Protein backbone atom coordinates (compact mmCIF):
# COMPACT_ATOMS: atom_id res chain seq x y z
CA MET A 1 -145.67 -28.16 56.49
CA ASN A 2 -143.36 -29.94 54.07
CA ARG A 3 -139.92 -31.17 55.08
CA PRO A 4 -137.72 -28.61 53.19
CA VAL A 5 -139.65 -25.65 54.63
CA CYS A 6 -139.47 -27.11 58.13
CA LEU A 7 -135.71 -27.72 57.83
CA SER A 8 -135.20 -24.16 56.56
CA LEU A 9 -137.06 -22.73 59.54
CA VAL A 10 -135.07 -24.84 61.99
CA ALA A 11 -131.78 -23.80 60.33
CA ALA A 12 -132.77 -20.12 60.41
CA ALA A 13 -133.69 -20.36 64.10
CA MET A 14 -130.35 -22.00 64.91
CA ILE A 15 -128.38 -19.35 63.00
CA PHE A 16 -130.29 -16.57 64.79
CA THR A 17 -129.70 -18.17 68.19
CA LEU A 18 -126.00 -18.77 67.57
CA GLY A 19 -125.50 -15.29 66.12
CA SER A 20 -127.11 -13.53 69.07
CA GLY A 21 -125.12 -15.68 71.49
CA LEU A 22 -121.85 -14.75 69.77
CA ALA A 23 -122.76 -11.06 69.81
CA GLN A 24 -123.44 -11.23 73.53
CA ALA A 25 -120.24 -13.14 74.23
CA GLN A 26 -118.22 -10.53 72.38
CA SER A 27 -119.77 -7.59 74.23
CA SER A 28 -117.06 -5.74 76.11
CA GLN A 29 -116.36 -2.41 77.75
CA LYS A 30 -113.00 -0.64 77.98
CA ILE A 31 -112.21 1.95 80.60
CA VAL A 32 -109.04 3.92 81.24
CA ALA A 33 -107.76 4.56 84.75
CA GLN A 34 -104.77 6.34 86.22
CA ILE A 35 -103.59 4.34 89.23
CA ALA A 36 -101.11 6.39 91.22
CA PHE A 37 -99.59 3.58 93.29
CA PRO A 38 -98.17 0.11 92.66
CA PHE A 39 -100.59 -2.74 93.24
CA VAL A 40 -101.08 -6.47 92.81
CA ALA A 41 -103.50 -7.85 90.20
CA GLY A 42 -103.98 -11.58 90.52
CA ASP A 43 -100.44 -12.81 91.12
CA LYS A 44 -98.68 -9.95 89.27
CA ASP A 45 -97.03 -6.85 90.67
CA MET A 46 -98.23 -3.87 88.65
CA PRO A 47 -96.54 -0.44 88.59
CA ALA A 48 -98.31 2.87 89.06
CA GLY A 49 -99.51 4.37 85.78
CA LYS A 50 -102.22 4.50 83.15
CA TYR A 51 -104.24 1.32 82.62
CA VAL A 52 -106.74 0.16 80.04
CA ILE A 53 -109.16 -2.29 81.59
CA GLU A 54 -111.30 -4.46 79.32
CA VAL A 55 -114.26 -6.25 80.79
CA THR A 56 -116.23 -8.78 78.77
CA ASP A 57 -119.65 -10.10 79.72
CA ALA A 58 -118.60 -13.73 79.52
CA GLY A 59 -114.91 -13.78 80.28
CA PRO A 60 -112.02 -12.55 82.37
CA VAL A 61 -110.90 -8.97 83.03
CA MET A 62 -107.79 -7.79 81.11
CA LEU A 63 -105.54 -5.01 82.44
CA VAL A 64 -102.93 -3.45 80.16
CA GLY A 65 -100.57 -0.99 81.79
CA PRO A 66 -97.30 0.89 81.38
CA GLY A 67 -94.85 -0.76 79.00
CA GLY A 68 -97.53 -3.23 77.87
CA ILE A 69 -97.59 -5.13 81.17
CA ARG A 70 -100.70 -7.34 81.26
CA ALA A 71 -102.75 -9.16 83.83
CA VAL A 72 -105.75 -11.38 83.18
CA LEU A 73 -108.10 -11.77 86.15
CA SER A 74 -110.92 -14.24 86.65
CA VAL A 75 -114.21 -12.96 87.98
CA VAL A 76 -115.10 -14.62 91.29
CA SER A 77 -118.63 -13.21 91.36
CA ARG A 78 -120.81 -10.34 90.20
CA LEU A 79 -121.74 -7.79 92.86
CA GLY A 80 -125.17 -6.17 92.81
CA ARG A 81 -125.12 -2.41 92.27
CA HIS A 82 -127.11 -0.39 94.79
CA ASP A 83 -126.82 2.99 93.05
CA GLN A 84 -126.50 4.55 89.59
CA ASP A 85 -122.92 5.82 89.96
CA PRO A 86 -121.86 7.15 86.53
CA ASP A 87 -118.14 6.68 87.28
CA SER A 88 -115.96 3.59 87.34
CA GLU A 89 -114.56 2.53 90.68
CA PHE A 90 -111.65 0.32 91.73
CA ILE A 91 -111.42 -1.26 95.17
CA PHE A 92 -108.07 -2.40 96.54
CA ASP A 93 -107.64 -4.54 99.65
CA LYS A 94 -104.64 -3.59 101.81
CA ILE A 95 -102.94 -6.92 102.58
CA ASP A 96 -99.49 -7.10 104.21
CA GLY A 97 -98.73 -3.53 103.16
CA LYS A 98 -99.70 -4.09 99.51
CA SER A 99 -102.73 -2.84 97.59
CA VAL A 100 -104.43 -5.79 95.90
CA LEU A 101 -107.11 -5.16 93.26
CA SER A 102 -110.27 -6.83 94.57
CA GLU A 103 -113.26 -5.20 92.82
CA ILE A 104 -114.04 -3.26 89.66
CA TRP A 105 -117.28 -1.33 89.31
CA LEU A 106 -118.29 -0.14 85.85
CA PRO A 107 -120.45 2.94 85.38
CA LYS A 108 -124.11 2.14 86.20
CA LYS A 109 -123.41 -1.62 86.10
CA ASP A 110 -122.87 -4.41 88.59
CA GLY A 111 -119.44 -4.81 90.14
CA LEU A 112 -116.97 -7.62 89.58
CA LEU A 113 -115.38 -9.38 92.55
CA LEU A 114 -111.82 -10.36 91.58
CA LEU A 115 -110.51 -11.35 95.00
CA ALA A 116 -112.33 -12.73 98.03
CA ASN A 117 -110.35 -12.02 101.18
CA LYS A 118 -111.75 -13.23 104.51
CA ALA A 119 -109.01 -11.78 106.74
CA PRO A 120 -109.52 -8.32 108.28
CA HIS A 121 -108.19 -5.64 105.94
CA GLU A 122 -108.59 -2.00 104.91
CA HIS A 123 -109.83 -0.73 101.55
CA VAL A 124 -108.55 1.90 99.17
CA VAL A 125 -111.23 3.20 96.80
CA LEU A 126 -110.19 4.84 93.54
CA GLY A 127 -112.79 6.63 91.43
CA GLY A 128 -116.51 6.67 91.83
CA SER A 129 -118.64 9.71 92.52
CA ASN A 130 -117.68 9.72 96.18
CA PRO A 131 -114.05 8.50 96.45
CA ARG A 132 -112.84 7.70 99.94
CA LYS A 133 -110.06 5.87 101.78
């Protein structure tokens, strides 16, 4: 194979690889949730209200709530899904009388651990096919 053809093939392969990587990195899902109680997200106090939650495959979780209040949360770990729940689910840890957002589960996808708390605590579950307290 001559040099120009070989270089063209290498360039095409690199463009394809970079392009598919960018498409995957930009993949995101937005869900809307009504959260009826104040809670803590990361280090921010969030009021009750309607939230848009954007989850990207390769980045943090963004919450946008009433009045444009925002919180950006890092993902500690992915949690393996054990069912095919078609509804989103939010798990809050009850810590010192406050509800702290600790997990987000997207419909039919793995969950996202946002807070790892080792101390004994209760959970509040919002959403899902079988909501419970």
